[in-house]
Amino acid sequence: MSDEQDAIPDSTAARVALWRALHVEIDPPPHVLEDKVGLQLLAPEQGWQRRGDMDQEFTRPFRASIVARARFIEDLVVEQAGRGLGQYVILGAGLDSFAQRKPEVASRLKIFEIDRPGPQAWKRQRLTELGFGVPEWLRFVPVDFEAGQSWLDQLLAAGFDAGKPAVVVSTGVSMYLTKDANRATLRQVAALAPGSTFAMTFLLPLELSDPDVRPGLEMAVKGAQASGTPFLSFFSPPEILALAREAGFGESRHVSAAELTQRYFAGRTDGLRPPANAEELLVART
């Protein structure tokens, strides 16, 4: 990867941000998530909605999944903040915009965004240019994974209090890590203070996915391979729950697409819903 490529958001993070904006622009209300901050940050060329990877019909189940997982995470964070929890850690933060869209909640927390140094510096600059700024309670934690840096060591150096509970989230990351690396992350989070919560997305084996979205998932796998960031890990729900138990979590549960559909898409007549058995969620507590 060139220095120039390393200093901008990766294509996956950019696509996720644009799908979130596309949901607001083309799907009828009520919107599951109102987020166009990523669109502001990226400032894509006019007509971006007509790009192949923005096709309204093709992307419908995938953008539903993206906004559903984000809304679930945000509801979880808001709930925990209401109970007095004070730390929120985002692994692989990308163009996450919780801090910008929910300042009334975010300002009561210490938010730690962990990402690669180049894209994170780009994001900091864009937030400043757009007038959002970087408040004291928002901590950017650059981690050079290729150089072997530990995200937990860097997190502690940024002011994270290991003696207090936190919500730690990881969305759209686990498939790029080996199973051993996923196990290591689970063990690290399970060792945090009692009362901590970990929420992560995981990709199910392709043969379990809905037939109507399987071609799109297969394209994503091929595209990731071609770009040098292959998908390495797939988990069935029983497997991911077993890994959470082995890591030391006191309790864990699988949040299925069906549960997300019931929670956020009930009553919709436009067919918008996350696909079953594609990317779903693990929620585990220490």
Protein backbone atom coordinates (compact mmCIF):
# COMPACT_ATOMS: atom_id res chain seq x y z
CA MET A 1 0.00 0.00 0.00
CA SER A 2 1.41 3.42 -0.96
CA ASP A 3 1.83 6.30 1.49
CA GLU A 4 -0.91 8.21 -0.37
CA GLN A 5 -3.35 5.29 -0.12
CA ASP A 6 -2.48 4.82 3.54
CA ALA A 7 -3.44 8.43 4.32
CA ILE A 8 -7.09 8.17 3.22
CA PRO A 9 -10.01 6.04 4.45
CA ASP A 10 -9.96 2.55 3.02
CA SER A 11 -12.56 1.70 0.40
CA THR A 12 -14.65 -0.38 2.81
CA ALA A 13 -14.95 2.42 5.37
CA ALA A 14 -15.88 4.89 2.63
CA ARG A 15 -18.50 2.53 1.16
CA VAL A 16 -20.09 1.98 4.58
CA ALA A 17 -20.33 5.73 5.16
CA LEU A 18 -21.91 6.29 1.75
CA TRP A 19 -24.41 3.47 2.26
CA ARG A 20 -25.45 5.10 5.52
CA ALA A 21 -26.02 8.36 3.66
CA LEU A 22 -27.80 6.54 0.84
CA HIS A 23 -30.27 5.14 3.36
CA VAL A 24 -31.28 8.69 4.29
CA GLU A 25 -31.41 9.87 0.68
CA ILE A 26 -33.40 7.09 -1.00
CA ASP A 27 -35.18 4.95 1.60
CA PRO A 28 -38.49 6.32 2.90
CA PRO A 29 -38.76 7.30 6.56
CA PRO A 30 -38.66 6.34 9.31
CA HIS A 31 -34.92 6.04 8.90
CA VAL A 32 -33.15 3.49 11.07
CA LEU A 33 -30.13 5.80 11.30
CA GLU A 34 -29.78 9.46 10.31
CA ASP A 35 -26.15 9.79 9.26
CA LYS A 36 -24.71 11.98 6.51
CA VAL A 37 -21.57 13.01 8.40
CA GLY A 38 -19.48 10.44 6.53
CA LEU A 39 -20.78 11.89 3.27
CA GLN A 40 -19.64 15.34 4.42
CA LEU A 41 -16.22 14.01 5.33
CA LEU A 42 -15.73 12.20 2.03
CA ALA A 43 -17.23 14.92 -0.19
CA PRO A 44 -17.50 12.53 -3.16
CA GLU A 45 -17.86 13.79 -6.69
CA GLN A 46 -21.32 14.72 -7.91
CA GLY A 47 -23.33 11.73 -9.03
CA TRP A 48 -21.77 9.34 -6.53
CA GLN A 49 -25.20 7.73 -6.08
CA ARG A 50 -24.92 6.31 -9.61
CA ARG A 51 -21.74 4.36 -8.88
CA GLY A 52 -22.04 0.60 -9.34
CA ASP A 53 -21.50 -0.07 -5.65
CA MET A 54 -24.33 2.33 -4.81
CA ASP A 55 -27.00 0.65 -6.96
CA GLN A 56 -30.27 1.06 -5.05
CA GLU A 57 -31.61 -2.45 -5.58
CA PHE A 58 -28.35 -4.36 -5.27
CA THR A 59 -27.28 -2.57 -2.08
CA ARG A 60 -30.69 -2.64 -0.35
CA PRO A 61 -30.04 -5.63 1.98
CA PHE A 62 -26.46 -4.56 2.63
CA ARG A 63 -27.26 -0.96 3.53
CA ALA A 64 -30.07 -2.29 5.75
CA SER A 65 -27.51 -4.45 7.55
CA ILE A 66 -25.10 -1.53 7.88
CA VAL A 67 -27.65 0.85 9.41
CA ALA A 68 -29.15 -1.87 11.60
CA ARG A 69 -25.83 -2.81 13.20
CA ALA A 70 -24.94 0.86 13.72
CA ARG A 71 -28.30 1.65 15.32
CA PHE A 72 -28.04 -1.39 17.58
CA ILE A 73 -24.57 -0.32 18.74
CA GLU A 74 -25.70 3.25 19.35
CA ASP A 75 -28.74 2.12 21.33
CA LEU A 76 -26.44 -0.07 23.43
CA VAL A 77 -24.03 2.80 24.10
CA VAL A 78 -26.83 5.22 24.97
CA GLU A 79 -28.34 2.64 27.34
CA GLN A 80 -25.01 1.99 29.08
CA ALA A 81 -24.24 5.72 29.31
CA GLY A 82 -27.60 6.19 30.99
CA ARG A 83 -26.48 3.70 33.63
CA GLY A 84 -23.36 5.73 34.34
CA LEU A 85 -20.80 3.95 32.16
CA GLY A 86 -18.14 6.42 31.07
CA GLN A 87 -15.87 4.83 28.43
CA TYR A 88 -16.60 3.85 24.83
CA VAL A 89 -13.96 2.19 22.64
CA ILE A 90 -14.37 1.78 18.86
CA LEU A 91 -11.99 -0.72 17.25
CA GLY A 92 -11.46 0.05 13.57
CA ALA A 93 -13.45 3.28 13.88
CA GLY A 94 -13.21 4.30 10.23
CA LEU A 95 -15.74 7.07 9.54
CA ASP A 96 -17.86 6.44 12.63
CA SER A 97 -19.79 9.61 13.48
CA PHE A 98 -21.43 8.93 16.84
CA ALA A 99 -19.41 11.72 18.47
CA GLN A 100 -20.57 14.25 15.88
CA ARG A 101 -24.23 13.20 15.72
CA LYS A 102 -24.89 12.49 19.39
CA PRO A 103 -22.83 15.12 21.27
CA GLU A 104 -25.35 15.31 24.12
CA VAL A 105 -24.54 11.68 24.98
CA ALA A 106 -20.97 11.53 23.66
CA SER A 107 -19.81 14.48 25.75
CA ARG A 108 -20.63 12.52 28.91
CA LEU A 109 -18.23 9.78 27.82
CA LYS A 110 -14.60 9.34 27.00
CA ILE A 111 -14.66 8.00 23.44
CA PHE A 112 -11.58 6.25 22.10
CA GLU A 113 -11.43 5.72 18.33
CA ILE A 114 -8.80 3.16 17.33
CA ASP A 115 -7.63 3.06 13.71
CA ARG A 116 -4.59 3.14 11.47
CA PRO A 117 -2.55 6.36 11.76
CA GLY A 118 -2.96 7.62 8.18
CA PRO A 119 -6.75 7.44 7.81
CA GLN A 120 -7.18 8.71 11.36
CA ALA A 121 -5.04 11.80 10.67
CA TRP A 122 -7.12 12.40 7.53
CA LYS A 123 -10.33 12.17 9.55
CA ARG A 124 -9.05 14.55 12.22
CA GLN A 125 -8.17 17.10 9.55
CA ARG A 126 -11.56 16.80 7.84
CA LEU A 127 -13.43 17.16 11.15
CA THR A 128 -11.50 20.37 11.78
CA GLU A 129 -12.13 21.68 8.27
CA LEU A 130 -15.85 21.04 8.56
CA GLY A 131 -16.11 22.76 11.93
CA PHE A 132 -16.80 19.69 14.05
CA GLY A 133 -13.42 19.86 15.74
CA VAL A 134 -12.02 17.23 18.10
CA PRO A 135 -13.24 17.83 21.66
CA GLU A 136 -11.23 16.74 24.67
CA TRP A 137 -13.51 13.79 25.35
CA LEU A 138 -12.87 12.32 21.87
CA ARG A 139 -9.52 10.53 21.84
CA PHE A 140 -7.97 9.35 18.56
CA VAL A 141 -5.77 6.31 19.19
CA PRO A 142 -3.53 5.56 16.19
CA VAL A 143 -2.35 1.96 16.06
CA ASP A 144 0.10 0.65 13.48
CA PHE A 145 -0.97 -2.97 13.38
CA GLU A 146 1.53 -3.80 10.65
CA ALA A 147 4.34 -2.70 12.98
CA GLY A 148 3.01 -5.00 15.70
CA GLN A 149 1.62 -2.28 17.98
CA SER A 150 -0.86 -3.43 20.62
CA TRP A 151 -4.22 -1.64 20.48
CA LEU A 152 -4.64 -2.18 24.22
CA ASP A 153 -1.25 -0.64 25.06
CA GLN A 154 -2.01 2.37 22.88
CA LEU A 155 -5.47 2.65 24.41
CA LEU A 156 -4.03 2.76 27.92
CA ALA A 157 -1.49 5.37 26.82
CA ALA A 158 -4.37 7.52 25.53
CA GLY A 159 -5.95 7.69 28.97
CA PHE A 160 -8.23 4.67 29.08
CA ASP A 161 -8.92 3.64 32.70
CA ALA A 162 -8.58 -0.16 32.92
CA GLY A 163 -10.17 -0.08 36.36
CA LYS A 164 -13.50 1.16 35.03
CA PRO A 165 -15.95 -0.65 32.73
CA ALA A 166 -16.34 0.24 29.08
CA VAL A 167 -18.34 -0.55 25.99
CA VAL A 168 -16.00 -1.87 23.30
CA VAL A 169 -17.28 -2.35 19.76
CA SER A 170 -15.87 -3.85 16.59
CA THR A 171 -17.99 -3.72 13.42
CA GLY A 172 -16.91 -4.97 10.02
CA VAL A 173 -13.49 -6.04 11.32
CA SER A 174 -13.57 -9.69 12.40
CA MET A 175 -13.62 -11.12 8.87
CA TYR A 176 -10.27 -9.45 8.07
CA LEU A 177 -8.57 -11.04 11.11
CA THR A 178 -7.39 -14.59 11.55
CA LYS A 179 -9.33 -16.72 13.99
CA ASP A 180 -6.36 -16.56 16.37
CA ALA A 181 -6.39 -12.76 16.20
CA ASN A 182 -10.14 -12.74 16.91
CA ARG A 183 -9.56 -15.04 19.89
CA ALA A 184 -6.86 -12.69 21.18
CA THR A 185 -9.19 -9.68 20.92
CA LEU A 186 -11.94 -11.53 22.76
CA ARG A 187 -9.52 -12.48 25.55
CA GLN A 188 -8.24 -8.89 25.87
CA VAL A 189 -11.72 -7.42 26.15
CA ALA A 190 -12.90 -10.19 28.51
CA ALA A 191 -10.09 -9.17 30.87
CA LEU A 192 -11.39 -5.60 31.18
CA ALA A 193 -13.16 -4.36 34.30
CA PRO A 194 -16.35 -6.14 35.39
CA GLY A 195 -19.42 -4.59 33.82
CA SER A 196 -17.76 -4.09 30.43
CA THR A 197 -19.62 -4.99 27.23
CA PHE A 198 -18.19 -6.13 23.91
CA ALA A 199 -20.25 -5.96 20.73
CA MET A 200 -18.77 -7.27 17.49
CA THR A 201 -20.09 -8.21 14.09
CA PHE A 202 -19.13 -11.50 12.49
CA LEU A 203 -19.69 -12.95 9.05
CA LEU A 204 -21.37 -16.32 8.77
CA PRO A 205 -20.12 -18.93 6.29
CA LEU A 206 -21.39 -18.02 2.83
CA GLU A 207 -23.23 -21.31 2.39
CA LEU A 208 -25.56 -20.30 5.26
CA SER A 209 -26.52 -16.92 3.79
CA ASP A 210 -29.81 -16.04 2.11
CA PRO A 211 -29.67 -17.13 -1.55
CA ASP A 212 -30.69 -13.65 -2.75
CA VAL A 213 -27.64 -11.99 -1.15
CA ARG A 214 -25.10 -14.77 -1.63
CA PRO A 215 -23.91 -13.46 -5.03
CA GLY A 216 -23.24 -10.06 -3.48
CA LEU A 217 -21.33 -11.60 -0.60
CA GLU A 218 -19.29 -13.72 -3.01
CA MET A 219 -18.44 -10.55 -4.95
CA ALA A 220 -17.34 -8.90 -1.69
CA VAL A 221 -15.09 -11.86 -0.89
CA LYS A 222 -13.50 -11.71 -4.35
CA GLY A 223 -13.10 -7.95 -4.15
CA ALA A 224 -11.43 -8.14 -0.75
CA GLN A 225 -9.05 -10.79 -2.05
CA ALA A 226 -8.18 -8.71 -5.11
CA SER A 227 -7.52 -5.59 -3.02
CA GLY A 228 -5.09 -7.42 -0.76
CA THR A 229 -7.35 -7.49 2.30
CA PRO A 230 -8.92 -10.97 2.08
CA PHE A 231 -11.70 -12.24 4.31
CA LEU A 232 -10.01 -14.66 6.70
CA SER A 233 -12.63 -15.61 9.29
CA PHE A 234 -16.22 -16.79 9.19
CA PHE A 235 -18.12 -17.99 12.25
CA SER A 236 -21.37 -19.81 12.89
CA PRO A 237 -23.34 -18.44 15.87
CA PRO A 238 -22.56 -21.49 18.07
CA GLU A 239 -18.86 -21.12 17.23
CA ILE A 240 -18.68 -17.41 18.11
CA LEU A 241 -20.56 -18.01 21.37
CA ALA A 242 -18.16 -20.80 22.27
CA LEU A 243 -15.18 -18.51 21.60
CA ALA A 244 -16.67 -15.85 23.87
CA ARG A 245 -17.10 -18.37 26.68
CA GLU A 246 -13.56 -19.67 26.22
CA ALA A 247 -12.24 -16.10 26.30
CA GLY A 248 -13.72 -15.61 29.75
CA PHE A 249 -16.91 -13.59 29.24
CA GLY A 250 -19.53 -14.14 31.90
CA GLU A 251 -22.41 -14.01 29.47
CA SER A 252 -22.85 -13.73 25.72
CA ARG A 253 -25.60 -13.76 23.14
CA HIS A 254 -26.07 -13.82 19.40
CA VAL A 255 -28.12 -10.98 17.93
CA SER A 256 -29.60 -12.26 14.68
CA ALA A 257 -30.79 -10.41 11.62
CA ALA A 258 -34.32 -11.53 12.53
CA GLU A 259 -34.04 -9.73 15.87
CA LEU A 260 -32.72 -6.59 14.18
CA THR A 261 -35.56 -6.75 11.65
CA GLN A 262 -38.17 -7.01 14.39
CA ARG A 263 -36.58 -4.16 16.31
CA TYR A 264 -35.93 -1.65 13.52
CA PHE A 265 -37.81 -2.65 10.35
CA ALA A 266 -41.21 -3.85 11.59
CA GLY A 267 -44.09 -2.49 9.55
CA ARG A 268 -41.99 -1.40 6.58
CA THR A 269 -43.54 -2.09 3.20
CA ASP A 270 -40.48 -1.36 1.04
CA GLY A 271 -38.74 -4.67 1.65
CA LEU A 272 -35.84 -3.05 3.49
CA ARG A 273 -34.38 -5.51 5.99
CA PRO A 274 -30.97 -7.00 6.81
CA PRO A 275 -30.30 -10.40 5.23
CA ALA A 276 -30.36 -13.48 7.44
CA ASN A 277 -27.16 -15.41 8.09
CA ALA A 278 -24.83 -12.81 6.62
CA GLU A 279 -23.22 -10.35 9.08
CA GLU A 280 -24.70 -10.58 12.57
CA LEU A 281 -23.70 -9.61 16.10
CA LEU A 282 -22.15 -11.03 19.24
CA VAL A 283 -22.78 -9.18 22.49
CA ALA A 284 -20.72 -10.36 25.48
CA ARG A 285 -20.30 -9.03 29.01
CA THR A 286 -17.59 -9.38 31.60
